[in-house]
Amino acid sequence: MYLNNFEYFAPETPGEALDLVARMGNKAKVLAGGTDLLIMMKEKMIQPEYLIDINNVKEFKGISYEPGKGAVIGAATKISEVEHSPVIRDKYFALHQAAGELGSAQVRAMATIGGNSCHASPAAETPTPLVAFGAKIVISSVSGDRELPLEEFILGNRKNALAEGELLTQFILPEPAPKSASRYWYIGLRDAMEIDAVNMAVNMVLENDGRTVKDLRLVMGSVSPRPLVSVEVPGILVGKEFNSELVEKAAQAAAGEAKPISDIRASAEYRREVTAVLARRLLQQAFDAAREV
């Protein structure tokens, strides 16, 4: 469980960090929280020659919000800061919920929101609500920046769209729509710190009548190699008055869209069943909350 020998760099500006990432290429790994990276190094899954620690780059950290435009979260922002941010709790409640369920308090104090997406675990907590909000990411390099929807960044299990010399630097969350609300939850085998068997986020927008669904995003985690954005659930509910019959139909549709595997945490059949349970629960919760906005 010893780390391999490596050379360590701790840049203090974005320019220094991006120059190192460009020069070191695939021989380097970026250290933000390290809660996944260091475990992989100890288990000899990876043995980088260089570590680039971006924790001293203040431009890669923090949460800002501008009314009417939305929020920007630095990729090196700690999960605990996301969890306790009043802006995130008030405007992006599903992300607040997901951040609070990631690992232990000690892990949340170290882990970063960028690392949670870059690691691209199918069971990762924060990508699910971020995708539900329509979040975009900023990918930076010495050549400049590019933006990408988060659901296009995560390509599969431990796979993302970063090219050599690129670094994920920001998340951009749009301003929440009027009369909207979001909810997140998960199912595990026990009420303890563990990897989710299934997680889900719902972001719902209502018409002014407080009954008709205007827009909806339901995103499933741990039932596909990447966050799975439901196509059928919005097709069932958008433009319709919310009712229990449609919710049941939507829940079954979500279960049908899920593409789970069987592993040590749960069988595929169990995952499909609890996908329907989560969909029923979160659709109703989001609807009730949106009516109160």
Protein backbone atom coordinates (compact mmCIF):
# COMPACT_ATOMS: atom_id res chain seq x y z
CA MET A 1 0.00 0.00 0.00
CA TYR A 2 2.96 2.31 -0.55
CA LEU A 3 2.84 5.09 -3.15
CA ASN A 4 5.18 4.88 -6.11
CA ASN A 5 7.94 7.47 -6.48
CA PHE A 6 6.74 10.65 -8.19
CA GLU A 7 7.68 14.29 -8.60
CA TYR A 8 5.31 16.74 -6.89
CA PHE A 9 4.26 20.19 -8.15
CA ALA A 10 2.05 22.75 -6.40
CA PRO A 11 1.23 25.58 -8.83
CA GLU A 12 -0.35 28.75 -7.45
CA THR A 13 -1.87 30.28 -10.60
CA PRO A 14 -4.08 28.91 -13.38
CA GLY A 15 -1.35 29.60 -15.91
CA GLU A 16 1.21 27.59 -13.95
CA ALA A 17 -1.23 24.70 -13.50
CA LEU A 18 -2.22 24.56 -17.16
CA ASP A 19 1.41 24.80 -18.28
CA LEU A 20 2.32 21.83 -16.08
CA VAL A 21 -0.65 19.81 -17.32
CA ALA A 22 0.40 20.54 -20.90
CA ARG A 23 4.09 19.71 -20.37
CA MET A 24 3.64 16.58 -18.24
CA GLY A 25 0.84 15.11 -20.37
CA ASN A 26 -0.36 11.63 -19.52
CA LYS A 27 2.62 11.02 -17.24
CA ALA A 28 0.94 13.25 -14.65
CA LYS A 29 -2.18 13.12 -12.51
CA VAL A 30 -3.94 16.14 -11.06
CA LEU A 31 -4.38 16.10 -7.27
CA ALA A 32 -7.40 18.00 -5.97
CA GLY A 33 -8.98 16.06 -3.10
CA GLY A 34 -7.10 12.83 -3.65
CA THR A 35 -9.79 10.66 -2.05
CA ASP A 36 -9.96 8.46 -5.15
CA LEU A 37 -6.55 9.17 -6.67
CA LEU A 38 -4.41 8.18 -3.69
CA ILE A 39 -6.33 4.94 -3.17
CA MET A 40 -5.76 4.02 -6.81
CA MET A 41 -2.07 4.82 -6.44
CA LYS A 42 -1.75 2.74 -3.27
CA GLU A 43 -3.44 -0.19 -4.97
CA LYS A 44 -1.04 0.21 -7.93
CA MET A 45 -3.92 0.77 -10.34
CA ILE A 46 -2.02 3.83 -11.59
CA GLN A 47 1.59 4.95 -11.08
CA PRO A 48 1.99 8.52 -12.30
CA GLU A 49 5.45 10.02 -12.64
CA TYR A 50 4.19 13.46 -11.60
CA LEU A 51 1.48 14.83 -9.30
CA ILE A 52 0.13 18.33 -9.95
CA ASP A 53 -1.58 19.62 -6.79
CA ILE A 54 -4.07 22.38 -7.71
CA ASN A 55 -5.22 23.16 -4.17
CA ASN A 56 -3.25 26.41 -4.06
CA VAL A 57 -4.93 27.81 -7.18
CA LYS A 58 -7.66 29.99 -5.70
CA GLU A 59 -9.25 30.62 -9.10
CA PHE A 60 -10.22 26.93 -9.25
CA LYS A 61 -12.16 27.15 -5.98
CA GLY A 62 -15.31 28.74 -4.62
CA ILE A 63 -19.00 29.23 -5.37
CA SER A 64 -20.41 32.40 -6.93
CA TYR A 65 -23.98 33.26 -7.83
CA GLU A 66 -25.51 36.05 -9.90
CA PRO A 67 -29.31 36.44 -9.88
CA GLY A 68 -30.74 35.79 -13.31
CA LYS A 69 -27.58 34.07 -14.55
CA GLY A 70 -26.94 31.22 -12.13
CA ALA A 71 -24.01 29.79 -10.23
CA VAL A 72 -20.39 28.99 -11.00
CA ILE A 73 -18.56 26.38 -8.92
CA GLY A 74 -14.80 25.97 -9.13
CA ALA A 75 -13.80 22.39 -9.86
CA ALA A 76 -11.47 22.27 -6.83
CA THR A 77 -14.25 23.32 -4.44
CA LYS A 78 -14.58 20.88 -1.56
CA ILE A 79 -17.75 18.84 -1.33
CA SER A 80 -18.27 20.10 2.23
CA GLU A 81 -18.39 23.68 0.92
CA VAL A 82 -21.01 22.67 -1.64
CA GLU A 83 -22.98 20.88 1.09
CA HIS A 84 -23.04 23.89 3.42
CA SER A 85 -23.41 26.68 0.84
CA PRO A 86 -26.62 28.70 1.40
CA VAL A 87 -26.80 29.40 -2.34
CA ILE A 88 -26.65 25.73 -3.24
CA ARG A 89 -29.18 24.80 -0.56
CA ASP A 90 -31.62 27.53 -1.62
CA LYS A 91 -31.26 27.39 -5.40
CA TYR A 92 -29.98 23.89 -6.21
CA PHE A 93 -31.40 21.73 -3.43
CA ALA A 94 -30.79 18.36 -5.10
CA LEU A 95 -27.05 19.15 -5.29
CA HIS A 96 -27.08 20.14 -1.61
CA GLN A 97 -28.67 16.78 -0.80
CA ALA A 98 -26.21 14.80 -2.92
CA ALA A 99 -23.17 16.55 -1.47
CA GLY A 100 -24.33 15.71 2.04
CA GLU A 101 -24.53 12.01 1.19
CA LEU A 102 -21.04 11.67 -0.30
CA GLY A 103 -18.82 9.55 1.95
CA SER A 104 -18.08 10.68 5.48
CA ALA A 105 -17.58 14.18 6.88
CA GLN A 106 -13.82 13.61 6.63
CA VAL A 107 -14.10 12.61 2.96
CA ARG A 108 -16.36 15.60 2.15
CA ALA A 109 -13.76 17.91 3.69
CA MET A 110 -11.16 16.61 1.22
CA ALA A 111 -13.05 15.50 -1.91
CA THR A 112 -13.81 18.02 -4.67
CA ILE A 113 -16.79 18.45 -6.95
CA GLY A 114 -14.52 18.29 -9.99
CA GLY A 115 -12.92 15.07 -8.87
CA ASN A 116 -16.32 13.47 -8.38
CA SER A 117 -17.10 14.00 -12.06
CA CYS A 118 -13.60 13.36 -13.44
CA HIS A 119 -13.38 10.01 -11.63
CA ALA A 120 -16.60 9.13 -13.49
CA SER A 121 -17.86 6.41 -11.20
CA PRO A 122 -21.34 5.26 -12.29
CA ALA A 123 -22.42 5.59 -8.64
CA ALA A 124 -21.03 9.11 -8.12
CA GLU A 125 -23.36 11.37 -6.16
CA THR A 126 -22.99 14.90 -7.55
CA PRO A 127 -23.06 14.29 -11.34
CA THR A 128 -26.69 13.10 -11.14
CA PRO A 129 -28.16 16.38 -9.83
CA LEU A 130 -25.70 18.48 -11.83
CA VAL A 131 -26.95 16.86 -15.04
CA ALA A 132 -30.54 17.34 -13.85
CA PHE A 133 -29.84 21.08 -13.59
CA GLY A 134 -28.36 21.16 -17.10
CA ALA A 135 -24.90 22.01 -15.80
CA LYS A 136 -22.10 22.76 -18.20
CA ILE A 137 -18.41 22.40 -17.46
CA VAL A 138 -15.45 24.52 -18.48
CA ILE A 139 -12.43 22.59 -19.73
CA SER A 140 -9.23 24.65 -19.81
CA SER A 141 -5.85 24.28 -21.48
CA VAL A 142 -2.99 26.54 -22.56
CA SER A 143 -4.91 26.97 -25.83
CA GLY A 144 -8.03 28.34 -24.12
CA ASP A 145 -11.35 27.16 -22.71
CA ARG A 146 -14.21 25.08 -24.05
CA GLU A 147 -17.64 24.33 -22.58
CA LEU A 148 -19.43 21.01 -22.59
CA PRO A 149 -22.67 19.72 -21.04
CA LEU A 150 -21.73 17.49 -18.12
CA GLU A 151 -23.64 14.52 -19.54
CA GLU A 152 -21.33 14.67 -22.59
CA PHE A 153 -18.20 14.88 -20.40
CA ILE A 154 -18.76 11.62 -18.52
CA LEU A 155 -18.30 8.92 -21.14
CA GLY A 156 -18.53 5.76 -19.02
CA ASN A 157 -17.05 3.95 -16.04
CA ARG A 158 -13.81 5.85 -15.18
CA LYS A 159 -13.89 7.55 -18.60
CA ASN A 160 -14.27 11.26 -19.33
CA ALA A 161 -13.79 13.64 -22.25
CA LEU A 162 -10.59 15.31 -21.05
CA ALA A 163 -7.92 15.32 -23.75
CA GLU A 164 -4.22 15.35 -22.90
CA GLY A 165 -3.24 18.78 -21.60
CA GLU A 166 -6.77 19.69 -20.46
CA LEU A 167 -8.14 20.38 -16.98
CA LEU A 168 -11.71 20.64 -15.70
CA THR A 169 -11.90 24.07 -14.03
CA GLN A 170 -15.56 25.10 -13.53
CA PHE A 171 -19.17 24.03 -13.36
CA ILE A 172 -21.80 26.45 -14.71
CA LEU A 173 -25.34 26.01 -13.38
CA PRO A 174 -28.17 27.95 -15.04
CA GLU A 175 -30.57 30.09 -13.04
CA PRO A 176 -33.43 27.92 -11.72
CA ALA A 177 -36.72 28.53 -13.52
CA PRO A 178 -39.64 30.10 -11.64
CA LYS A 179 -41.92 27.57 -9.94
CA SER A 180 -39.25 24.89 -10.01
CA ALA A 181 -37.86 22.48 -7.43
CA SER A 182 -35.38 19.63 -7.31
CA ARG A 183 -34.84 16.55 -5.20
CA TYR A 184 -32.14 13.84 -4.92
CA TRP A 185 -31.98 10.55 -3.09
CA TYR A 186 -30.36 7.15 -3.22
CA ILE A 187 -30.86 3.53 -2.23
CA GLY A 188 -28.16 1.44 -0.55
CA LEU A 189 -28.09 -1.89 1.19
CA ARG A 190 -27.82 -0.28 4.61
CA ASP A 191 -28.05 3.14 6.21
CA ALA A 192 -24.31 3.70 6.34
CA MET A 193 -21.41 5.13 4.34
CA GLU A 194 -21.36 3.04 1.18
CA ILE A 195 -21.51 3.22 -2.60
CA ASP A 196 -25.04 3.80 -3.91
CA ALA A 197 -26.93 0.91 -5.44
CA VAL A 198 -29.09 3.50 -7.26
CA ASN A 199 -29.32 7.27 -7.05
CA MET A 200 -31.60 9.75 -8.77
CA ALA A 201 -32.25 13.45 -9.19
CA VAL A 202 -35.39 15.21 -10.39
CA ASN A 203 -35.66 18.85 -11.46
CA MET A 204 -39.27 19.91 -12.15
CA VAL A 205 -40.78 23.17 -13.45
CA LEU A 206 -44.51 23.90 -13.17
CA GLU A 207 -46.77 26.20 -15.15
CA ASN A 208 -48.34 29.16 -13.35
CA ASP A 209 -51.42 27.05 -12.53
CA GLY A 210 -49.29 25.03 -10.10
CA ARG A 211 -50.59 21.74 -11.53
CA THR A 212 -49.21 21.35 -15.04
CA VAL A 213 -45.65 20.15 -15.58
CA LYS A 214 -43.83 22.64 -17.82
CA ASP A 215 -40.40 21.02 -17.88
CA LEU A 216 -38.76 18.05 -16.22
CA ARG A 217 -35.43 16.29 -15.98
CA LEU A 218 -35.03 12.93 -14.25
CA VAL A 219 -31.49 11.56 -14.10
CA MET A 220 -30.49 8.12 -12.81
CA GLY A 221 -27.13 7.04 -11.40
CA SER A 222 -25.63 3.59 -10.84
CA VAL A 223 -27.99 2.00 -13.38
CA SER A 224 -25.81 2.80 -16.41
CA PRO A 225 -22.09 3.44 -17.06
CA ARG A 226 -22.86 7.19 -17.04
CA PRO A 227 -25.66 9.41 -15.69
CA LEU A 228 -28.80 8.30 -17.51
CA VAL A 229 -31.14 11.11 -18.55
CA SER A 230 -34.68 9.82 -18.89
CA VAL A 231 -36.39 10.43 -22.20
CA GLU A 232 -39.66 8.68 -21.44
CA VAL A 233 -40.50 10.32 -18.09
CA PRO A 234 -40.67 13.89 -19.46
CA GLY A 235 -42.67 12.55 -22.38
CA ILE A 236 -45.25 11.21 -19.95
CA LEU A 237 -45.51 14.21 -17.62
CA VAL A 238 -44.59 17.41 -19.50
CA GLY A 239 -47.67 19.31 -20.62
CA LYS A 240 -49.94 17.26 -18.35
CA GLU A 241 -51.55 17.95 -14.99
CA PHE A 242 -49.61 16.07 -12.35
CA ASN A 243 -51.49 13.10 -10.88
CA SER A 244 -50.76 9.75 -9.26
CA GLU A 245 -51.68 7.75 -12.35
CA LEU A 246 -49.10 9.56 -14.47
CA VAL A 247 -46.51 9.26 -11.68
CA GLU A 248 -46.95 5.49 -11.62
CA LYS A 249 -46.63 5.33 -15.39
CA ALA A 250 -43.50 7.49 -15.21
CA ALA A 251 -41.98 5.36 -12.45
CA GLN A 252 -42.38 2.21 -14.51
CA ALA A 253 -40.95 3.98 -17.55
CA ALA A 254 -37.85 5.01 -15.58
CA ALA A 255 -37.35 1.43 -14.42
CA GLY A 256 -37.66 0.29 -18.01
CA GLU A 257 -35.02 2.76 -19.18
CA ALA A 258 -32.52 1.71 -16.51
CA LYS A 259 -29.67 -0.50 -17.70
CA PRO A 260 -28.30 -1.89 -14.43
CA ILE A 261 -25.84 -4.70 -13.81
CA SER A 262 -25.70 -7.20 -10.97
CA ASP A 263 -22.75 -6.79 -8.63
CA ILE A 264 -21.82 -7.11 -4.97
CA ARG A 265 -24.08 -4.19 -4.00
CA ALA A 266 -27.30 -5.23 -5.73
CA SER A 267 -28.82 -7.34 -8.47
CA ALA A 268 -30.02 -5.80 -11.70
CA GLU A 269 -33.60 -6.77 -10.81
CA TYR A 270 -33.39 -5.01 -7.45
CA ARG A 271 -31.94 -1.89 -9.05
CA ARG A 272 -34.82 -1.73 -11.54
CA GLU A 273 -37.36 -2.10 -8.75
CA VAL A 274 -35.89 0.64 -6.58
CA THR A 275 -35.51 2.91 -9.61
CA ALA A 276 -39.31 2.92 -9.79
CA VAL A 277 -39.53 3.54 -6.03
CA LEU A 278 -37.18 6.52 -6.21
CA ALA A 279 -38.97 7.95 -9.23
CA ARG A 280 -42.36 7.85 -7.50
CA ARG A 281 -40.93 9.45 -4.37
CA LEU A 282 -38.85 12.19 -5.97
CA LEU A 283 -41.42 13.19 -8.58
CA GLN A 284 -43.98 13.73 -5.82
CA GLN A 285 -41.50 15.57 -3.60
CA ALA A 286 -40.35 17.87 -6.40
CA PHE A 287 -43.95 18.59 -7.41
CA ASP A 288 -44.98 19.44 -3.84
CA ALA A 289 -41.94 21.71 -3.40
CA ALA A 290 -42.43 23.48 -6.76
CA ARG A 291 -46.03 24.34 -5.82
CA GLU A 292 -44.75 26.20 -2.77
CA VAL A 293 -42.26 28.36 -4.69
